[in-house]
Amino acid sequence: MRDHHKGPTVGVGAVVWKDGKVLLVRRKYPPRQGSWTFPGGRQELGETIYQTAHREILEETGLTIRILGIAGVVDLIDRDAETLHFHYTVIDVLAVWASGEAIAADDASELAWVDPADLAPYGTTLEVRQMISDTAKRLSEFVEPYP
């Protein structure tokens, strides 16, 4: 387990869109093992946020993406009265599929391209659903067509 007393761990995720659907992965490992969320992972020393997003999405899904900007930031903090179990600050980027066939690899046990209207069976968190809604609106404002 990481020493969370030195500060939060920075994670980077990507809200990846293709043909009106968003990419979700099922987490293979804790924290939040088994939950559906965006692909991503821990930022490594010397990596930019964008480099982390490209690396993590390729490792977890086999996809290359085109990043359009920052989607949002979420703090994931788990603690009880005596113990801080984890603290992650997750920076999610807004991205579109560029190439590759999606496969569940590395930290993902499953993946799915999901229509935002069909999220209910995935049990996504309020934060994930809000990020999907927000990024869908932002994508609709882009003039340049994306692949």
N, C-alpha and C. Protein backbone atom coordinates (compact mmCIF):
# COMPACT_ATOMS: atom_id res chain seq x y z
N MET A 1 0.84 -1.19 0.00
CA MET A 1 0.00 0.00 0.00
C MET A 1 0.88 1.25 0.00
N ARG A 2 0.46 2.27 -0.71
CA ARG A 2 1.20 3.52 -0.81
C ARG A 2 1.14 4.29 0.51
N ASP A 3 2.17 5.10 0.75
CA ASP A 3 2.18 5.98 1.92
C ASP A 3 1.43 7.25 1.57
N HIS A 4 0.15 7.31 1.96
CA HIS A 4 -0.70 8.44 1.60
C HIS A 4 -0.48 9.64 2.50
N HIS A 5 0.41 9.51 3.47
CA HIS A 5 0.68 10.65 4.34
C HIS A 5 1.60 11.65 3.67
N LYS A 6 2.23 11.27 2.58
CA LYS A 6 3.10 12.17 1.84
C LYS A 6 2.33 13.02 0.84
N GLY A 7 1.09 12.69 0.61
CA GLY A 7 0.26 13.44 -0.32
C GLY A 7 -0.54 12.52 -1.19
N PRO A 8 -1.51 13.09 -1.92
CA PRO A 8 -2.34 12.26 -2.79
C PRO A 8 -1.54 11.70 -3.96
N THR A 9 -2.02 10.60 -4.50
CA THR A 9 -1.47 10.02 -5.71
C THR A 9 -2.23 10.61 -6.89
N VAL A 10 -1.51 11.01 -7.93
CA VAL A 10 -2.15 11.58 -9.12
C VAL A 10 -2.46 10.46 -10.09
N GLY A 11 -3.72 10.40 -10.48
CA GLY A 11 -4.15 9.47 -11.51
C GLY A 11 -4.65 10.25 -12.70
N VAL A 12 -4.56 9.64 -13.86
CA VAL A 12 -5.03 10.28 -15.09
C VAL A 12 -5.93 9.30 -15.82
N GLY A 13 -7.12 9.75 -16.17
CA GLY A 13 -8.05 8.93 -16.91
C GLY A 13 -8.44 9.62 -18.20
N ALA A 14 -9.16 8.92 -19.05
CA ALA A 14 -9.61 9.50 -20.31
C ALA A 14 -11.06 9.14 -20.58
N VAL A 15 -11.84 10.16 -20.89
CA VAL A 15 -13.21 9.99 -21.33
C VAL A 15 -13.12 9.92 -22.85
N VAL A 16 -13.10 8.69 -23.38
CA VAL A 16 -12.84 8.44 -24.80
C VAL A 16 -14.17 8.21 -25.52
N TRP A 17 -14.37 8.95 -26.60
CA TRP A 17 -15.60 8.86 -27.40
C TRP A 17 -15.31 8.31 -28.79
N LYS A 18 -16.27 7.54 -29.29
CA LYS A 18 -16.21 7.03 -30.67
C LYS A 18 -17.65 6.79 -31.13
N ASP A 19 -18.01 7.43 -32.21
CA ASP A 19 -19.34 7.23 -32.81
C ASP A 19 -20.48 7.38 -31.81
N GLY A 20 -20.39 8.41 -30.96
CA GLY A 20 -21.45 8.69 -30.01
C GLY A 20 -21.47 7.81 -28.77
N LYS A 21 -20.47 6.95 -28.62
CA LYS A 21 -20.39 6.07 -27.46
C LYS A 21 -19.12 6.38 -26.67
N VAL A 22 -19.19 6.14 -25.36
CA VAL A 22 -18.07 6.40 -24.48
C VAL A 22 -17.47 5.06 -24.02
N LEU A 23 -16.16 5.04 -23.85
CA LEU A 23 -15.46 3.82 -23.46
C LEU A 23 -15.43 3.70 -21.93
N LEU A 24 -15.91 2.56 -21.43
CA LEU A 24 -15.83 2.25 -20.01
C LEU A 24 -15.03 0.97 -19.82
N VAL A 25 -14.29 0.91 -18.72
CA VAL A 25 -13.57 -0.31 -18.37
C VAL A 25 -14.02 -0.75 -16.99
N ARG A 26 -13.97 -2.06 -16.78
CA ARG A 26 -14.25 -2.63 -15.45
C ARG A 26 -12.91 -2.84 -14.77
N ARG A 27 -12.75 -2.22 -13.58
CA ARG A 27 -11.48 -2.29 -12.86
C ARG A 27 -11.17 -3.70 -12.39
N LYS A 28 -9.97 -4.16 -12.68
CA LYS A 28 -9.55 -5.51 -12.30
C LYS A 28 -9.02 -5.56 -10.86
N TYR A 29 -8.47 -4.43 -10.38
CA TYR A 29 -7.82 -4.40 -9.07
C TYR A 29 -8.36 -3.26 -8.20
N PRO A 30 -8.15 -3.36 -6.88
CA PRO A 30 -8.53 -2.26 -5.99
C PRO A 30 -7.69 -1.01 -6.28
N PRO A 31 -8.13 0.16 -5.93
CA PRO A 31 -9.41 0.41 -5.28
C PRO A 31 -10.55 0.34 -6.29
N ARG A 32 -11.72 0.15 -5.78
CA ARG A 32 -12.95 0.08 -6.56
C ARG A 32 -12.95 -1.05 -7.59
N GLN A 33 -12.35 -2.16 -7.19
CA GLN A 33 -12.31 -3.35 -8.04
C GLN A 33 -13.72 -3.75 -8.47
N GLY A 34 -13.88 -4.06 -9.75
CA GLY A 34 -15.16 -4.49 -10.28
C GLY A 34 -16.06 -3.37 -10.75
N SER A 35 -15.72 -2.13 -10.44
CA SER A 35 -16.57 -1.01 -10.86
C SER A 35 -16.24 -0.59 -12.29
N TRP A 36 -17.24 -0.01 -12.95
CA TRP A 36 -17.09 0.50 -14.31
C TRP A 36 -16.73 1.98 -14.26
N THR A 37 -15.70 2.36 -14.98
CA THR A 37 -15.22 3.73 -14.97
C THR A 37 -14.43 4.00 -16.25
N PHE A 38 -13.72 5.10 -16.28
CA PHE A 38 -12.89 5.44 -17.44
C PHE A 38 -11.53 4.75 -17.32
N PRO A 39 -10.92 4.41 -18.44
CA PRO A 39 -9.57 3.84 -18.37
C PRO A 39 -8.58 4.90 -17.90
N GLY A 40 -7.54 4.45 -17.21
CA GLY A 40 -6.51 5.37 -16.75
C GLY A 40 -5.67 4.72 -15.67
N GLY A 41 -4.77 5.52 -15.11
CA GLY A 41 -3.89 5.00 -14.08
C GLY A 41 -3.00 6.07 -13.51
N ARG A 42 -2.01 5.63 -12.76
CA ARG A 42 -1.12 6.52 -12.02
C ARG A 42 -0.13 7.23 -12.93
N GLN A 43 0.02 8.52 -12.68
CA GLN A 43 1.02 9.31 -13.39
C GLN A 43 2.40 8.94 -12.87
N GLU A 44 3.35 8.75 -13.78
CA GLU A 44 4.72 8.44 -13.40
C GLU A 44 5.55 9.71 -13.35
N LEU A 45 6.55 9.69 -12.52
CA LEU A 45 7.45 10.83 -12.37
C LEU A 45 8.05 11.21 -13.73
N GLY A 46 7.96 12.49 -14.08
CA GLY A 46 8.51 12.97 -15.35
C GLY A 46 7.54 12.94 -16.51
N GLU A 47 6.36 12.39 -16.29
CA GLU A 47 5.34 12.31 -17.34
C GLU A 47 4.38 13.48 -17.24
N THR A 48 3.98 14.03 -18.38
CA THR A 48 2.91 15.01 -18.37
C THR A 48 1.58 14.28 -18.25
N ILE A 49 0.54 15.02 -17.94
CA ILE A 49 -0.79 14.43 -17.85
C ILE A 49 -1.17 13.79 -19.18
N TYR A 50 -0.88 14.47 -20.27
CA TYR A 50 -1.24 13.94 -21.59
C TYR A 50 -0.45 12.69 -21.94
N GLN A 51 0.83 12.66 -21.58
CA GLN A 51 1.62 11.45 -21.82
C GLN A 51 1.07 10.28 -21.02
N THR A 52 0.69 10.56 -19.77
CA THR A 52 0.11 9.50 -18.94
C THR A 52 -1.17 8.96 -19.57
N ALA A 53 -2.04 9.86 -20.03
CA ALA A 53 -3.29 9.43 -20.65
C ALA A 53 -3.03 8.54 -21.87
N HIS A 54 -2.13 8.96 -22.75
CA HIS A 54 -1.82 8.16 -23.93
C HIS A 54 -1.30 6.78 -23.53
N ARG A 55 -0.35 6.72 -22.58
CA ARG A 55 0.25 5.46 -22.16
C ARG A 55 -0.78 4.55 -21.50
N GLU A 56 -1.54 5.09 -20.56
CA GLU A 56 -2.50 4.27 -19.82
C GLU A 56 -3.61 3.71 -20.72
N ILE A 57 -4.10 4.53 -21.63
CA ILE A 57 -5.18 4.06 -22.51
C ILE A 57 -4.64 2.97 -23.45
N LEU A 58 -3.43 3.15 -23.95
CA LEU A 58 -2.83 2.12 -24.79
C LEU A 58 -2.62 0.83 -24.00
N GLU A 59 -2.11 0.92 -22.76
CA GLU A 59 -1.87 -0.27 -21.93
C GLU A 59 -3.16 -0.99 -21.57
N GLU A 60 -4.19 -0.24 -21.21
CA GLU A 60 -5.43 -0.86 -20.73
C GLU A 60 -6.38 -1.30 -21.83
N THR A 61 -6.31 -0.64 -23.00
CA THR A 61 -7.32 -0.90 -24.03
C THR A 61 -6.76 -1.21 -25.41
N GLY A 62 -5.47 -0.97 -25.63
CA GLY A 62 -4.89 -1.17 -26.95
C GLY A 62 -5.21 -0.05 -27.94
N LEU A 63 -5.82 1.03 -27.46
CA LEU A 63 -6.24 2.13 -28.34
C LEU A 63 -5.27 3.30 -28.30
N THR A 64 -5.20 4.00 -29.41
CA THR A 64 -4.57 5.31 -29.42
C THR A 64 -5.69 6.33 -29.48
N ILE A 65 -5.46 7.46 -28.82
CA ILE A 65 -6.49 8.48 -28.70
C ILE A 65 -5.95 9.83 -29.16
N ARG A 66 -6.88 10.72 -29.44
CA ARG A 66 -6.54 12.13 -29.70
C ARG A 66 -7.17 12.92 -28.57
N ILE A 67 -6.33 13.61 -27.81
CA ILE A 67 -6.79 14.36 -26.65
C ILE A 67 -7.24 15.75 -27.08
N LEU A 68 -8.43 16.14 -26.61
CA LEU A 68 -9.00 17.44 -26.95
C LEU A 68 -8.86 18.45 -25.82
N GLY A 69 -8.57 18.00 -24.60
CA GLY A 69 -8.44 18.90 -23.47
C GLY A 69 -8.71 18.19 -22.16
N ILE A 70 -8.81 18.98 -21.11
CA ILE A 70 -9.11 18.45 -19.78
C ILE A 70 -10.62 18.32 -19.62
N ALA A 71 -11.07 17.16 -19.17
CA ALA A 71 -12.51 16.93 -18.95
C ALA A 71 -12.92 17.36 -17.55
N GLY A 72 -12.06 17.09 -16.56
CA GLY A 72 -12.39 17.44 -15.19
C GLY A 72 -11.44 16.79 -14.21
N VAL A 73 -11.63 17.12 -12.94
CA VAL A 73 -10.79 16.61 -11.86
C VAL A 73 -11.69 16.09 -10.75
N VAL A 74 -11.34 14.92 -10.21
CA VAL A 74 -12.12 14.30 -9.14
C VAL A 74 -11.15 13.82 -8.06
N ASP A 75 -11.49 14.05 -6.79
CA ASP A 75 -10.73 13.48 -5.68
C ASP A 75 -11.44 12.23 -5.20
N LEU A 76 -10.70 11.13 -5.12
CA LEU A 76 -11.22 9.87 -4.58
C LEU A 76 -10.52 9.64 -3.24
N ILE A 77 -11.27 9.81 -2.16
CA ILE A 77 -10.71 9.71 -0.82
C ILE A 77 -11.52 8.67 -0.05
N ASP A 78 -10.82 7.69 0.52
CA ASP A 78 -11.46 6.67 1.33
C ASP A 78 -10.81 6.69 2.71
N ARG A 79 -11.62 7.01 3.71
CA ARG A 79 -11.10 7.05 5.08
C ARG A 79 -12.22 6.71 6.05
N ASP A 80 -11.79 6.27 7.22
CA ASP A 80 -12.73 6.12 8.32
C ASP A 80 -12.22 7.00 9.45
N ALA A 81 -12.74 6.84 10.64
CA ALA A 81 -12.39 7.73 11.76
C ALA A 81 -10.89 7.72 12.08
N GLU A 82 -10.22 6.59 11.89
CA GLU A 82 -8.81 6.49 12.27
C GLU A 82 -7.83 6.40 11.11
N THR A 83 -8.28 5.98 9.93
CA THR A 83 -7.34 5.62 8.88
C THR A 83 -7.72 6.24 7.54
N LEU A 84 -6.70 6.78 6.88
CA LEU A 84 -6.84 7.20 5.49
C LEU A 84 -6.42 6.00 4.65
N HIS A 85 -7.36 5.40 3.94
CA HIS A 85 -7.06 4.20 3.15
C HIS A 85 -6.42 4.56 1.81
N PHE A 86 -6.97 5.58 1.15
CA PHE A 86 -6.33 6.08 -0.07
C PHE A 86 -6.84 7.47 -0.38
N HIS A 87 -6.03 8.19 -1.14
CA HIS A 87 -6.41 9.51 -1.66
C HIS A 87 -5.77 9.66 -3.04
N TYR A 88 -6.64 9.65 -4.05
CA TYR A 88 -6.21 9.84 -5.42
C TYR A 88 -6.84 11.13 -5.94
N THR A 89 -6.06 11.93 -6.61
CA THR A 89 -6.59 13.05 -7.37
C THR A 89 -6.52 12.62 -8.82
N VAL A 90 -7.68 12.49 -9.45
CA VAL A 90 -7.75 11.97 -10.82
C VAL A 90 -8.09 13.11 -11.78
N ILE A 91 -7.22 13.29 -12.74
CA ILE A 91 -7.43 14.28 -13.80
C ILE A 91 -7.86 13.51 -15.04
N ASP A 92 -9.08 13.76 -15.48
CA ASP A 92 -9.60 13.10 -16.67
C ASP A 92 -9.47 14.01 -17.87
N VAL A 93 -9.01 13.45 -18.99
CA VAL A 93 -8.94 14.20 -20.24
C VAL A 93 -10.11 13.81 -21.13
N LEU A 94 -10.48 14.72 -21.99
CA LEU A 94 -11.49 14.46 -23.02
C LEU A 94 -10.75 14.01 -24.26
N ALA A 95 -11.13 12.86 -24.80
CA ALA A 95 -10.42 12.31 -25.95
C ALA A 95 -11.38 11.63 -26.90
N VAL A 96 -10.90 11.45 -28.12
CA VAL A 96 -11.63 10.68 -29.12
C VAL A 96 -10.73 9.55 -29.61
N TRP A 97 -11.37 8.47 -30.01
CA TRP A 97 -10.66 7.33 -30.57
C TRP A 97 -9.88 7.77 -31.81
N ALA A 98 -8.64 7.31 -31.93
CA ALA A 98 -7.83 7.60 -33.11
C ALA A 98 -7.57 6.33 -33.91
N SER A 99 -7.21 5.23 -33.22
CA SER A 99 -6.98 3.98 -33.92
C SER A 99 -6.93 2.82 -32.93
N GLY A 100 -7.04 1.62 -33.50
CA GLY A 100 -6.93 0.40 -32.70
C GLY A 100 -8.27 -0.25 -32.42
N GLU A 101 -8.19 -1.53 -32.08
CA GLU A 101 -9.36 -2.30 -31.65
C GLU A 101 -9.31 -2.41 -30.14
N ALA A 102 -10.40 -2.08 -29.48
CA ALA A 102 -10.45 -2.08 -28.02
C ALA A 102 -10.39 -3.51 -27.47
N ILE A 103 -9.44 -3.73 -26.56
CA ILE A 103 -9.31 -5.00 -25.85
C ILE A 103 -9.10 -4.69 -24.37
N ALA A 104 -9.62 -5.54 -23.51
CA ALA A 104 -9.38 -5.38 -22.07
C ALA A 104 -8.01 -5.95 -21.75
N ALA A 105 -7.12 -5.12 -21.26
CA ALA A 105 -5.77 -5.54 -20.94
C ALA A 105 -5.32 -4.84 -19.66
N ASP A 106 -4.16 -5.21 -19.15
CA ASP A 106 -3.54 -4.58 -17.99
C ASP A 106 -4.51 -4.53 -16.81
N ASP A 107 -4.96 -3.36 -16.39
CA ASP A 107 -5.82 -3.21 -15.20
C ASP A 107 -7.30 -3.33 -15.50
N ALA A 108 -7.69 -3.59 -16.74
CA ALA A 108 -9.10 -3.70 -17.11
C ALA A 108 -9.49 -5.16 -17.29
N SER A 109 -10.56 -5.58 -16.61
CA SER A 109 -11.02 -6.96 -16.79
C SER A 109 -12.02 -7.07 -17.94
N GLU A 110 -12.74 -5.97 -18.22
CA GLU A 110 -13.70 -5.90 -19.33
C GLU A 110 -13.72 -4.47 -19.83
N LEU A 111 -14.24 -4.29 -21.03
CA LEU A 111 -14.49 -2.94 -21.53
C LEU A 111 -15.71 -2.94 -22.41
N ALA A 112 -16.26 -1.75 -22.59
CA ALA A 112 -17.46 -1.62 -23.41
C ALA A 112 -17.56 -0.21 -23.95
N TRP A 113 -18.02 -0.10 -25.20
CA TRP A 113 -18.42 1.19 -25.77
C TRP A 113 -19.89 1.34 -25.43
N VAL A 114 -20.24 2.38 -24.70
CA VAL A 114 -21.58 2.50 -24.15
C VAL A 114 -22.25 3.79 -24.62
N ASP A 115 -23.48 3.63 -25.08
CA ASP A 115 -24.30 4.80 -25.38
C ASP A 115 -24.67 5.44 -24.04
N PRO A 116 -24.53 6.77 -23.92
CA PRO A 116 -24.85 7.42 -22.65
C PRO A 116 -26.26 7.13 -22.14
N ALA A 117 -27.19 6.82 -23.01
CA ALA A 117 -28.56 6.51 -22.59
C ALA A 117 -28.66 5.11 -21.96
N ASP A 118 -27.61 4.30 -22.11
CA ASP A 118 -27.63 2.92 -21.64
C ASP A 118 -26.67 2.65 -20.48
N LEU A 119 -26.43 3.64 -19.62
CA LEU A 119 -25.46 3.51 -18.54
C LEU A 119 -25.96 2.71 -17.34
N ALA A 120 -27.25 2.61 -17.14
CA ALA A 120 -27.81 2.02 -15.92
C ALA A 120 -27.22 0.66 -15.55
N PRO A 121 -27.08 -0.30 -16.48
CA PRO A 121 -26.56 -1.62 -16.08
C PRO A 121 -25.11 -1.60 -15.59
N TYR A 122 -24.41 -0.51 -15.85
CA TYR A 122 -22.99 -0.45 -15.49
C TYR A 122 -22.75 0.07 -14.08
N GLY A 123 -23.77 0.61 -13.44
CA GLY A 123 -23.63 1.06 -12.07
C GLY A 123 -22.57 2.13 -11.87
N THR A 124 -22.43 3.00 -12.84
CA THR A 124 -21.42 4.05 -12.75
C THR A 124 -21.75 5.04 -11.64
N THR A 125 -20.73 5.69 -11.13
CA THR A 125 -20.92 6.69 -10.08
C THR A 125 -21.52 7.96 -10.66
N LEU A 126 -22.03 8.78 -9.78
CA LEU A 126 -22.57 10.08 -10.18
C LEU A 126 -21.50 10.91 -10.89
N GLU A 127 -20.26 10.86 -10.40
CA GLU A 127 -19.17 11.62 -11.01
C GLU A 127 -18.90 11.16 -12.44
N VAL A 128 -18.93 9.85 -12.66
CA VAL A 128 -18.71 9.31 -14.01
C VAL A 128 -19.85 9.74 -14.94
N ARG A 129 -21.08 9.62 -14.47
CA ARG A 129 -22.22 10.02 -15.30
C ARG A 129 -22.19 11.51 -15.62
N GLN A 130 -21.81 12.32 -14.65
CA GLN A 130 -21.72 13.76 -14.88
C GLN A 130 -20.62 14.09 -15.88
N MET A 131 -19.48 13.41 -15.79
CA MET A 131 -18.37 13.64 -16.72
C MET A 131 -18.79 13.24 -18.13
N ILE A 132 -19.53 12.16 -18.27
CA ILE A 132 -20.01 11.73 -19.58
C ILE A 132 -20.94 12.79 -20.16
N SER A 133 -21.87 13.27 -19.35
CA SER A 133 -22.80 14.31 -19.81
C SER A 133 -22.07 15.58 -20.22
N ASP A 134 -21.14 16.02 -19.37
CA ASP A 134 -20.40 17.25 -19.65
C ASP A 134 -19.56 17.14 -20.92
N THR A 135 -18.88 16.00 -21.10
CA THR A 135 -18.02 15.86 -22.28
C THR A 135 -18.83 15.67 -23.54
N ALA A 136 -20.00 15.05 -23.45
CA ALA A 136 -20.88 14.91 -24.62
C ALA A 136 -21.29 16.29 -25.12
N LYS A 137 -21.62 17.18 -24.21
CA LYS A 137 -21.98 18.56 -24.59
C LYS A 137 -20.80 19.27 -25.24
N ARG A 138 -19.62 19.10 -24.65
CA ARG A 138 -18.43 19.75 -25.21
C ARG A 138 -18.13 19.22 -26.61
N LEU A 139 -18.29 17.92 -26.82
CA LEU A 139 -18.03 17.34 -28.14
C LEU A 139 -18.98 17.91 -29.18
N SER A 140 -20.22 18.13 -28.79
CA SER A 140 -21.21 18.65 -29.74
C SER A 140 -20.87 20.07 -30.19
N GLU A 141 -20.01 20.77 -29.44
CA GLU A 141 -19.62 22.13 -29.78
C GLU A 141 -18.42 22.19 -30.72
N PHE A 142 -17.71 21.06 -30.89
CA PHE A 142 -16.53 21.05 -31.76
C PHE A 142 -16.98 21.18 -33.21
N VAL A 143 -16.35 22.11 -33.93
CA VAL A 143 -16.66 22.31 -35.34
C VAL A 143 -15.92 21.29 -36.19
N GLU A 144 -14.67 21.03 -35.82
CA GLU A 144 -13.83 20.10 -36.58
C GLU A 144 -14.32 18.68 -36.37
N PRO A 145 -14.58 17.94 -37.45
CA PRO A 145 -14.97 16.55 -37.27
C PRO A 145 -13.81 15.74 -36.70
N TYR A 146 -14.11 14.76 -35.89
CA TYR A 146 -13.06 13.93 -35.31
C TYR A 146 -13.22 12.51 -35.84
N PRO A 147 -12.08 11.79 -35.83
CA PRO A 147 -12.13 10.42 -36.35
C PRO A 147 -12.91 9.48 -35.47
